[in-house]
Amino acid sequence: MTIRIANLVSGDLFLQPNLASALALILVLLLAMVTLIQQWLLRRSYHVAER
């Protein structure tokens, strides 16, 4: 996805910075969601291991 964003910003034929910004925002939100889920699962696994 990062290559696609770079192509949209610095493309030879069509510059589409708005689409690149939207894709970058989606990528950031996706990474944040994955990070939060991972942290939640880690806390949950530590809590279960303490029992």
C-alpha atoms as a PDB file:
ATOM      1  CA  MET A   1       0.000   0.000   0.000  1.00  0.00           C
ATOM      2  CA  THR A   2       2.869   2.379   0.697  1.00  0.00           C
ATOM      3  CA  ILE A   3       4.129   1.938  -2.865  1.00  0.00           C
ATOM      4  CA  ARG A   4       0.657   2.781  -4.164  1.00  0.00           C
ATOM      5  CA  ILE A   5       0.589   5.961  -2.041  1.00  0.00           C
ATOM      6  CA  ALA A   6       4.025   6.978  -3.344  1.00  0.00           C
ATOM      7  CA  ASN A   7       2.902   6.425  -6.936  1.00  0.00           C
ATOM      8  CA  LEU A   8      -0.164   8.604  -6.412  1.00  0.00           C
ATOM      9  CA  VAL A   9       1.899  11.456  -4.990  1.00  0.00           C
ATOM     10  CA  SER A  10       4.771  11.351  -7.478  1.00  0.00           C
ATOM     11  CA  GLY A  11       3.214   9.658 -10.485  1.00  0.00           C
ATOM     12  CA  ASP A  12       4.423  10.496 -13.973  1.00  0.00           C
ATOM     13  CA  LEU A  13       0.975  10.679 -15.557  1.00  0.00           C
ATOM     14  CA  PHE A  14      -1.551  11.595 -12.886  1.00  0.00           C
ATOM     15  CA  LEU A  15      -0.973  13.265  -9.558  1.00  0.00           C
ATOM     16  CA  GLN A  16      -3.647  12.318  -7.033  1.00  0.00           C
ATOM     17  CA  PRO A  17      -2.535  13.658  -3.649  1.00  0.00           C
ATOM     18  CA  ASN A  18      -6.075  13.504  -2.232  1.00  0.00           C
ATOM     19  CA  LEU A  19      -6.355   9.792  -2.925  1.00  0.00           C
ATOM     20  CA  ALA A  20      -2.861   9.277  -1.528  1.00  0.00           C
ATOM     21  CA  SER A  21      -3.850  11.105   1.661  1.00  0.00           C
ATOM     22  CA  ALA A  22      -6.968   8.978   2.014  1.00  0.00           C
ATOM     23  CA  LEU A  23      -4.982   5.763   1.562  1.00  0.00           C
ATOM     24  CA  ALA A  24      -2.381   6.949   4.075  1.00  0.00           C
ATOM     25  CA  LEU A  25      -5.110   7.690   6.612  1.00  0.00           C
ATOM     26  CA  ILE A  26      -6.645   4.249   6.081  1.00  0.00           C
ATOM     27  CA  LEU A  27      -3.208   2.687   6.557  1.00  0.00           C
ATOM     28  CA  VAL A  28      -2.644   4.592   9.812  1.00  0.00           C
ATOM     29  CA  LEU A  29      -6.078   3.624  11.136  1.00  0.00           C
ATOM     30  CA  LEU A  30      -5.520  -0.013  10.203  1.00  0.00           C
ATOM     31  CA  LEU A  31      -2.139  -0.085  11.944  1.00  0.00           C
ATOM     32  CA  ALA A  32      -3.609   1.577  15.041  1.00  0.00           C
ATOM     33  CA  MET A  33      -6.437  -0.965  15.152  1.00  0.00           C
ATOM     34  CA  VAL A  34      -4.028  -3.900  14.832  1.00  0.00           C
ATOM     35  CA  THR A  35      -1.796  -2.440  17.560  1.00  0.00           C
ATOM     36  CA  LEU A  36      -4.726  -1.962  19.938  1.00  0.00           C
ATOM     37  CA  ILE A  37      -5.969  -5.499  19.346  1.00  0.00           C
ATOM     38  CA  GLN A  38      -2.476  -6.872  19.941  1.00  0.00           C
ATOM     39  CA  GLN A  39      -2.138  -4.935  23.201  1.00  0.00           C
ATOM     40  CA  TRP A  40      -5.563  -6.137  24.352  1.00  0.00           C
ATOM     41  CA  LEU A  41      -4.674  -9.762  23.561  1.00  0.00           C
ATOM     42  CA  LEU A  42      -1.332  -9.448  25.368  1.00  0.00           C
ATOM     43  CA  ARG A  43      -2.980  -8.037  28.496  1.00  0.00           C
ATOM     44  CA  ARG A  44      -5.598 -10.755  28.335  1.00  0.00           C
ATOM     45  CA  SER A  45      -2.973 -13.508  28.010  1.00  0.00           C
ATOM     46  CA  TYR A  46      -0.961 -12.126  30.961  1.00  0.00           C
ATOM     47  CA  HIS A  47      -4.119 -11.975  33.055  1.00  0.00           C
ATOM     48  CA  VAL A  48      -4.932 -15.616  32.253  1.00  0.00           C
ATOM     49  CA  ALA A  49      -1.344 -16.709  32.965  1.00  0.00           C
ATOM     50  CA  GLU A  50      -1.457 -15.172  36.475  1.00  0.00           C
ATOM     51  CA  ARG A  51      -4.256 -17.469  37.593  1.00  0.00           C
END
